[in-house]
C-alpha atoms as a PDB file:
ATOM      1  CA  MET A   1      -1.000  22.085  67.779  1.00  0.00           C
ATOM      2  CA  ASN A   2      -2.671  23.380  70.948  1.00  0.00           C
ATOM      3  CA  LYS A   3      -5.811  25.573  70.987  1.00  0.00           C
ATOM      4  CA  ARG A   4      -3.699  28.803  71.770  1.00  0.00           C
ATOM      5  CA  VAL A   5      -1.528  28.487  68.948  1.00  0.00           C
ATOM      6  CA  ALA A   6      -4.419  27.638  66.662  1.00  0.00           C
ATOM      7  CA  GLY A   7      -6.196  30.530  67.839  1.00  0.00           C
ATOM      8  CA  LEU A   8      -3.483  32.950  67.153  1.00  0.00           C
ATOM      9  CA  LEU A   9      -2.856  31.391  63.789  1.00  0.00           C
ATOM     10  CA  ASN A  10      -6.570  31.904  63.002  1.00  0.00           C
ATOM     11  CA  ILE A  11      -6.177  35.641  63.913  1.00  0.00           C
ATOM     12  CA  VAL A  12      -3.002  36.083  61.845  1.00  0.00           C
ATOM     13  CA  ASN A  13      -4.890  34.425  58.788  1.00  0.00           C
ATOM     14  CA  LYS A  14      -7.909  36.587  59.334  1.00  0.00           C
ATOM     15  CA  VAL A  15      -5.520  39.777  59.407  1.00  0.00           C
ATOM     16  CA  GLU A  16      -3.658  38.574  56.380  1.00  0.00           C
ATOM     17  CA  ASP A  17      -6.858  38.061  54.392  1.00  0.00           C
ATOM     18  CA  TRP A  18      -8.285  41.329  55.274  1.00  0.00           C
ATOM     19  CA  PHE A  19      -5.040  43.207  54.499  1.00  0.00           C
ATOM     20  CA  LEU A  20      -5.027  41.615  51.144  1.00  0.00           C
ATOM     21  CA  ILE A  21      -8.741  42.433  50.549  1.00  0.00           C
ATOM     22  CA  ILE A  22      -8.445  45.951  51.696  1.00  0.00           C
ATOM     23  CA  THR A  23      -5.277  46.773  49.733  1.00  0.00           C
ATOM     24  CA  LEU A  24      -6.794  45.247  46.585  1.00  0.00           C
ATOM     25  CA  ALA A  25     -10.183  47.272  47.009  1.00  0.00           C
ATOM     26  CA  VAL A  26      -7.978  50.465  47.609  1.00  0.00           C
ATOM     27  CA  MET A  27      -6.305  49.488  44.259  1.00  0.00           C
ATOM     28  CA  VAL A  28      -9.497  49.207  42.357  1.00  0.00           C
ATOM     29  CA  ILE A  29     -10.984  52.516  43.843  1.00  0.00           C
ATOM     30  CA  LEU A  30      -7.997  54.567  43.014  1.00  0.00           C
ATOM     31  CA  ALA A  31      -7.585  53.311  39.610  1.00  0.00           C
ATOM     32  CA  VAL A  32     -11.383  53.973  38.831  1.00  0.00           C
ATOM     33  CA  ALA A  33     -10.766  57.345  40.371  1.00  0.00           C
ATOM     34  CA  GLN A  34      -7.759  58.012  38.283  1.00  0.00           C
ATOM     35  CA  ILE A  35      -9.642  57.153  35.182  1.00  0.00           C
ATOM     36  CA  PHE A  36     -12.632  59.427  36.245  1.00  0.00           C
ATOM     37  CA  PHE A  37     -10.244  62.303  36.944  1.00  0.00           C
ATOM     38  CA  ARG A  38      -8.467  62.018  33.475  1.00  0.00           C
ATOM     39  CA  ASN A  39     -11.644  61.635  31.702  1.00  0.00           C
ATOM     40  CA  VAL A  40     -13.757  64.389  33.376  1.00  0.00           C
ATOM     41  CA  PHE A  41     -11.266  66.883  34.376  1.00  0.00           C
ATOM     42  CA  GLY A  42      -8.588  66.199  31.651  1.00  0.00           C
ATOM     43  CA  GLU A  43      -5.668  65.233  34.174  1.00  0.00           C
ATOM     44  CA  GLY A  44      -5.311  62.900  36.991  1.00  0.00           C
ATOM     45  CA  VAL A  45      -4.117  63.060  40.627  1.00  0.00           C
ATOM     46  CA  VAL A  46      -0.133  63.027  40.484  1.00  0.00           C
ATOM     47  CA  TRP A  47       0.346  60.623  43.510  1.00  0.00           C
ATOM     48  CA  ILE A  48      -2.238  57.922  42.414  1.00  0.00           C
ATOM     49  CA  ASP A  49      -0.107  56.278  39.726  1.00  0.00           C
ATOM     50  CA  PRO A  50       2.984  55.795  42.025  1.00  0.00           C
ATOM     51  CA  LEU A  51       0.820  54.662  44.890  1.00  0.00           C
ATOM     52  CA  LEU A  52      -0.887  52.182  42.555  1.00  0.00           C
ATOM     53  CA  ARG A  53       2.546  50.712  41.587  1.00  0.00           C
ATOM     54  CA  VAL A  54       3.405  50.433  45.206  1.00  0.00           C
ATOM     55  CA  LEU A  55       0.183  48.662  45.987  1.00  0.00           C
ATOM     56  CA  VAL A  56       0.825  46.178  43.259  1.00  0.00           C
ATOM     57  CA  LEU A  57       3.945  44.962  45.015  1.00  0.00           C
ATOM     58  CA  TRP A  58       2.042  44.976  48.401  1.00  0.00           C
ATOM     59  CA  VAL A  59      -0.761  42.725  46.884  1.00  0.00           C
ATOM     60  CA  ALA A  60       1.588  40.420  45.439  1.00  0.00           C
ATOM     61  CA  ILE A  61       3.690  39.778  48.488  1.00  0.00           C
ATOM     62  CA  ALA A  62       0.513  39.598  50.593  1.00  0.00           C
ATOM     63  CA  GLY A  63      -0.892  37.027  48.100  1.00  0.00           C
ATOM     64  CA  ALA A  64       2.289  35.078  48.300  1.00  0.00           C
ATOM     65  CA  VAL A  65       2.029  34.899  52.236  1.00  0.00           C
ATOM     66  CA  VAL A  66      -1.618  33.800  51.942  1.00  0.00           C
ATOM     67  CA  ALA A  67      -0.690  31.294  49.304  1.00  0.00           C
ATOM     68  CA  THR A  68       2.193  30.046  51.428  1.00  0.00           C
ATOM     69  CA  ARG A  69      -0.261  29.247  54.270  1.00  0.00           C
ATOM     70  CA  THR A  70      -1.975  26.347  52.566  1.00  0.00           C
ATOM     71  CA  ASP A  71       1.144  25.370  50.564  1.00  0.00           C
ATOM     72  CA  ASN A  72      -0.277  26.534  47.331  1.00  0.00           C
ATOM     73  CA  HIS A  73       2.595  28.588  46.219  1.00  0.00           C
ATOM     74  CA  ILE A  74       4.197  28.021  42.787  1.00  0.00           C
ATOM     75  CA  ARG A  75       5.920  24.810  42.832  1.00  0.00           C
ATOM     76  CA  ILE A  76       7.805  22.672  40.281  1.00  0.00           C
ATOM     77  CA  ASP A  77       6.918  18.932  40.857  1.00  0.00           C
ATOM     78  CA  PHE A  78       9.161  17.514  38.307  1.00  0.00           C
ATOM     79  CA  PHE A  79      11.131  15.269  40.826  1.00  0.00           C
ATOM     80  CA  THR A  80       7.950  14.032  42.547  1.00  0.00           C
ATOM     81  CA  ARG A  81       7.025  12.092  39.663  1.00  0.00           C
ATOM     82  CA  TYR A  82      10.133  10.058  39.617  1.00  0.00           C
ATOM     83  CA  ILE A  83      10.851   9.775  43.308  1.00  0.00           C
ATOM     84  CA  PRO A  84       9.278   6.797  45.093  1.00  0.00           C
ATOM     85  CA  LYS A  85       6.197   7.766  47.504  1.00  0.00           C
ATOM     86  CA  GLY A  86       8.105   7.103  50.784  1.00  0.00           C
ATOM     87  CA  TYR A  87      10.886   9.762  50.007  1.00  0.00           C
ATOM     88  CA  ILE A  88       8.534  12.635  49.034  1.00  0.00           C
ATOM     89  CA  LYS A  89       8.060  13.809  52.495  1.00  0.00           C
ATOM     90  CA  TYR A  90      11.937  14.209  53.039  1.00  0.00           C
ATOM     91  CA  LEU A  91      12.029  15.962  49.646  1.00  0.00           C
ATOM     92  CA  GLN A  92       9.211  18.299  50.708  1.00  0.00           C
ATOM     93  CA  ARG A  93      10.960  19.103  53.943  1.00  0.00           C
ATOM     94  CA  ALA A  94      14.172  19.705  52.131  1.00  0.00           C
ATOM     95  CA  VAL A  95      12.355  22.237  49.928  1.00  0.00           C
ATOM     96  CA  TYR A  96      10.811  23.841  52.939  1.00  0.00           C
ATOM     97  CA  ALA A  97      14.120  24.209  54.396  1.00  0.00           C
ATOM     98  CA  PHE A  98      15.428  25.791  51.315  1.00  0.00           C
ATOM     99  CA  CYS A  99      12.456  28.085  51.167  1.00  0.00           C
ATOM    100  CA  ILE A 100      12.887  29.184  54.819  1.00  0.00           C
ATOM    101  CA  PHE A 101      16.684  29.995  54.113  1.00  0.00           C
ATOM    102  CA  ILE A 102      15.928  31.928  50.965  1.00  0.00           C
ATOM    103  CA  CYS A 103      12.941  33.882  52.336  1.00  0.00           C
ATOM    104  CA  ALA A 104      14.960  34.577  55.622  1.00  0.00           C
ATOM    105  CA  LEU A 105      17.862  35.968  53.396  1.00  0.00           C
ATOM    106  CA  ILE A 106      15.601  38.004  51.325  1.00  0.00           C
ATOM    107  CA  SER A 107      13.985  39.484  54.525  1.00  0.00           C
ATOM    108  CA  PHE A 108      17.336  40.373  56.104  1.00  0.00           C
ATOM    109  CA  HIS A 109      18.581  42.073  53.019  1.00  0.00           C
ATOM    110  CA  GLY A 110      15.195  43.741  52.465  1.00  0.00           C
ATOM    111  CA  ALA A 111      15.526  45.189  55.992  1.00  0.00           C
ATOM    112  CA  ARG A 112      18.830  46.445  55.034  1.00  0.00           C
ATOM    113  CA  PHE A 113      17.630  48.148  51.995  1.00  0.00           C
ATOM    114  CA  VAL A 114      14.796  49.822  53.953  1.00  0.00           C
ATOM    115  CA  GLN A 115      17.179  50.946  56.485  1.00  0.00           C
ATOM    116  CA  MET A 116      19.291  52.480  53.804  1.00  0.00           C
ATOM    117  CA  ASP A 117      16.431  54.325  52.330  1.00  0.00           C
ATOM    118  CA  TYR A 118      15.548  55.401  55.825  1.00  0.00           C
ATOM    119  CA  GLU A 119      18.930  56.857  56.445  1.00  0.00           C
ATOM    120  CA  PHE A 120      19.052  58.654  53.215  1.00  0.00           C
ATOM    121  CA  ASN A 121      15.503  60.109  53.597  1.00  0.00           C
ATOM    122  CA  THR A 122      14.623  58.942  49.928  1.00  0.00           C
ATOM    123  CA  ILE A 123      11.109  60.049  49.086  1.00  0.00           C
ATOM    124  CA  ALA A 124       8.925  57.733  47.086  1.00  0.00           C
ATOM    125  CA  PHE A 125       6.074  60.216  46.093  1.00  0.00           C
ATOM    126  CA  ALA A 126       4.132  63.081  47.519  1.00  0.00           C
ATOM    127  CA  ASN A 127       6.507  63.360  50.639  1.00  0.00           C
ATOM    128  CA  VAL A 128       5.895  59.674  51.585  1.00  0.00           C
ATOM    129  CA  PRO A 129       9.197  58.189  52.765  1.00  0.00           C
ATOM    130  CA  ALA A 130      10.408  55.376  50.306  1.00  0.00           C
ATOM    131  CA  TRP A 131      11.252  53.312  53.342  1.00  0.00           C
ATOM    132  CA  VAL A 132       7.438  53.042  54.324  1.00  0.00           C
ATOM    133  CA  THR A 133       6.449  51.874  50.909  1.00  0.00           C
ATOM    134  CA  GLU A 134       9.229  49.159  51.045  1.00  0.00           C
ATOM    135  CA  LEU A 135       8.469  47.563  54.363  1.00  0.00           C
ATOM    136  CA  VAL A 136       6.404  45.020  52.811  1.00  0.00           C
ATOM    137  CA  ILE A 137       9.530  43.329  51.425  1.00  0.00           C
ATOM    138  CA  PRO A 138      11.352  42.445  54.689  1.00  0.00           C
ATOM    139  CA  ILE A 139       7.984  41.893  56.572  1.00  0.00           C
ATOM    140  CA  GLY A 140       6.241  39.824  53.815  1.00  0.00           C
ATOM    141  CA  PHE A 141       9.409  37.587  53.201  1.00  0.00           C
ATOM    142  CA  PHE A 142       9.822  37.030  57.020  1.00  0.00           C
ATOM    143  CA  MET A 143       5.994  36.023  57.308  1.00  0.00           C
ATOM    144  CA  ILE A 144       6.526  33.629  54.385  1.00  0.00           C
ATOM    145  CA  ALA A 145       9.624  32.235  55.937  1.00  0.00           C
ATOM    146  CA  ILE A 146       7.558  31.666  59.078  1.00  0.00           C
ATOM    147  CA  ARG A 147       4.719  30.092  57.016  1.00  0.00           C
ATOM    148  CA  TYR A 148       7.254  27.705  55.662  1.00  0.00           C
ATOM    149  CA  LEU A 149       8.791  26.942  58.992  1.00  0.00           C
ATOM    150  CA  LEU A 150       5.219  26.022  60.097  1.00  0.00           C
ATOM    151  CA  LEU A 151       5.033  23.596  57.057  1.00  0.00           C
ATOM    152  CA  PHE A 152       8.438  22.202  57.836  1.00  0.00           C
ATOM    153  CA  ILE A 153       7.157  21.280  61.380  1.00  0.00           C
ATOM    154  CA  SER A 154       3.818  20.127  60.284  1.00  0.00           C
ATOM    155  CA  PRO A 155       3.895  19.330  56.800  1.00  0.00           C
ATOM    156  CA  PRO A 156       0.364  18.852  55.022  1.00  0.00           C
ATOM    157  CA  GLU A 157      -0.654  15.269  54.753  1.00  0.00           C
ATOM    158  CA  GLN A 158      -1.609  15.131  51.127  1.00  0.00           C
ATOM    159  CA  GLY A 159       2.151  15.780  50.125  1.00  0.00           C
ATOM    160  CA  PRO A 160       3.156  17.695  46.978  1.00  0.00           C
ATOM    161  CA  ARG A 161       0.645  17.987  44.171  1.00  0.00           C
END
């Protein structure tokens, strides 16, 4: 991989990491604030709970993107125990190709879902359009597909765990 691509990937990695950190920090701050408001004032802020539910989705998908970066995503390695070591790299690439296909498919249909909510002007909470809260689905799965494409092109040396 040349220096420009490595530098670009390094920047993307840092953006992903900071997005995950900031989103998780906002979740913690909002949850603590909601608890404070309920205990001190007897009622919470109306829009915090729905926003926290949305942020859970955002953190989960952002975490999946980060986990995919280093090939540490959930895996079932049943077959790797019974397949000769020489064939594992082919099985690994087949799994990557399947993951690329599935994530691209989810991204495509997620974009259609977002477009539908955009066209119908669906509101998620507090006048926030639902399509804004759902953007993480097509973008996140597209990024996961790209990460798997990079793993397909240049798989890690250690092989499946």
